[in-house]
Amino acid sequence: MSVEELESVVSSLPSAELARFSEWFEAFIADEWDRQIEQDMQAGRLDKVLKRADDHYQAGRCTPL
């Protein structure tokens, strides 16, 4: 199915079904984001950023949220 076909189907959903689809899609995107972050961490792509954050924390340049 093409993106255009998906757009057509989604745009024709009744309100209740659109809300249900929207909830599912948001959860799907969040899960994909989590998987990507996990892959990036395992590949070492976040090491530099995490070290910088640790350095700032150790130097007292962070405030509690």
C-alpha atoms as a PDB file:
ATOM      1  CA  MET A   1       0.000   0.000   0.000  1.00  0.00           C
ATOM      2  CA  SER A   2       1.357   3.421  -0.869  1.00  0.00           C
ATOM      3  CA  VAL A   3       1.500   6.453   1.389  1.00  0.00           C
ATOM      4  CA  GLU A   4      -1.158   8.093  -0.765  1.00  0.00           C
ATOM      5  CA  GLU A   5      -3.463   5.103  -0.259  1.00  0.00           C
ATOM      6  CA  LEU A   6      -2.850   5.207   3.481  1.00  0.00           C
ATOM      7  CA  GLU A   7      -3.612   8.924   3.547  1.00  0.00           C
ATOM      8  CA  SER A   8      -6.872   8.316   1.732  1.00  0.00           C
ATOM      9  CA  VAL A   9      -7.935   5.528   4.086  1.00  0.00           C
ATOM     10  CA  VAL A  10      -6.949   7.442   7.229  1.00  0.00           C
ATOM     11  CA  SER A  11      -8.652  10.632   6.108  1.00  0.00           C
ATOM     12  CA  SER A  12     -11.907   8.734   5.561  1.00  0.00           C
ATOM     13  CA  LEU A  13     -12.003   7.102   9.003  1.00  0.00           C
ATOM     14  CA  PRO A  14     -14.898   7.986  11.294  1.00  0.00           C
ATOM     15  CA  SER A  15     -13.897  10.099  14.311  1.00  0.00           C
ATOM     16  CA  ALA A  16     -13.846   7.222  16.795  1.00  0.00           C
ATOM     17  CA  GLU A  17     -11.727   5.058  14.505  1.00  0.00           C
ATOM     18  CA  LEU A  18      -9.398   7.951  13.760  1.00  0.00           C
ATOM     19  CA  ALA A  19      -8.874   8.483  17.497  1.00  0.00           C
ATOM     20  CA  ARG A  20      -8.185   4.769  17.955  1.00  0.00           C
ATOM     21  CA  PHE A  21      -5.739   4.761  15.041  1.00  0.00           C
ATOM     22  CA  SER A  22      -4.061   7.911  16.335  1.00  0.00           C
ATOM     23  CA  GLU A  23      -3.479   6.340  19.770  1.00  0.00           C
ATOM     24  CA  TRP A  24      -2.038   3.223  18.171  1.00  0.00           C
ATOM     25  CA  PHE A  25       0.192   5.224  15.817  1.00  0.00           C
ATOM     26  CA  GLU A  26       1.551   7.418  18.622  1.00  0.00           C
ATOM     27  CA  ALA A  27       2.463   4.290  20.603  1.00  0.00           C
ATOM     28  CA  PHE A  28       4.029   2.757  17.485  1.00  0.00           C
ATOM     29  CA  ILE A  29       6.179   5.849  16.860  1.00  0.00           C
ATOM     30  CA  ALA A  30       7.235   5.951  20.524  1.00  0.00           C
ATOM     31  CA  ASP A  31       8.280   2.291  20.370  1.00  0.00           C
ATOM     32  CA  GLU A  32      10.250   2.933  17.182  1.00  0.00           C
ATOM     33  CA  TRP A  33      11.989   5.889  18.876  1.00  0.00           C
ATOM     34  CA  ASP A  34      12.889   3.689  21.856  1.00  0.00           C
ATOM     35  CA  ARG A  35      14.321   1.008  19.557  1.00  0.00           C
ATOM     36  CA  GLN A  36      16.396   3.589  17.696  1.00  0.00           C
ATOM     37  CA  ILE A  37      17.772   5.059  20.931  1.00  0.00           C
ATOM     38  CA  GLU A  38      18.660   1.547  22.127  1.00  0.00           C
ATOM     39  CA  GLN A  39      20.444   0.794  18.841  1.00  0.00           C
ATOM     40  CA  ASP A  40      22.318   4.102  18.992  1.00  0.00           C
ATOM     41  CA  MET A  41      23.393   3.412  22.581  1.00  0.00           C
ATOM     42  CA  GLN A  42      24.599  -0.092  21.741  1.00  0.00           C
ATOM     43  CA  ALA A  43      26.520   1.232  18.743  1.00  0.00           C
ATOM     44  CA  GLY A  44      28.220   3.878  20.888  1.00  0.00           C
ATOM     45  CA  ARG A  45      26.708   6.796  18.983  1.00  0.00           C
ATOM     46  CA  LEU A  46      25.589   8.460  22.233  1.00  0.00           C
ATOM     47  CA  ASP A  47      28.812   7.968  24.189  1.00  0.00           C
ATOM     48  CA  LYS A  48      30.106  11.486  23.531  1.00  0.00           C
ATOM     49  CA  VAL A  49      26.836  13.137  24.522  1.00  0.00           C
ATOM     50  CA  LEU A  50      26.467  11.015  27.652  1.00  0.00           C
ATOM     51  CA  LYS A  51      30.058  11.765  28.696  1.00  0.00           C
ATOM     52  CA  ARG A  52      29.431  15.483  28.244  1.00  0.00           C
ATOM     53  CA  ALA A  53      26.272  15.250  30.362  1.00  0.00           C
ATOM     54  CA  ASP A  54      28.179  13.354  33.071  1.00  0.00           C
ATOM     55  CA  ASP A  55      30.959  15.951  32.983  1.00  0.00           C
ATOM     56  CA  HIS A  56      28.445  18.785  33.412  1.00  0.00           C
ATOM     57  CA  TYR A  57      26.760  16.955  36.274  1.00  0.00           C
ATOM     58  CA  GLN A  58      30.052  16.257  38.037  1.00  0.00           C
ATOM     59  CA  ALA A  59      31.042  19.924  37.633  1.00  0.00           C
ATOM     60  CA  GLY A  60      27.793  21.053  39.269  1.00  0.00           C
ATOM     61  CA  ARG A  61      26.411  22.688  36.147  1.00  0.00           C
ATOM     62  CA  CYS A  62      23.063  20.843  36.322  1.00  0.00           C
ATOM     63  CA  THR A  63      19.929  21.656  38.278  1.00  0.00           C
ATOM     64  CA  PRO A  64      17.208  19.265  39.395  1.00  0.00           C
ATOM     65  CA  LEU A  65      14.091  19.138  37.253  1.00  0.00           C
END
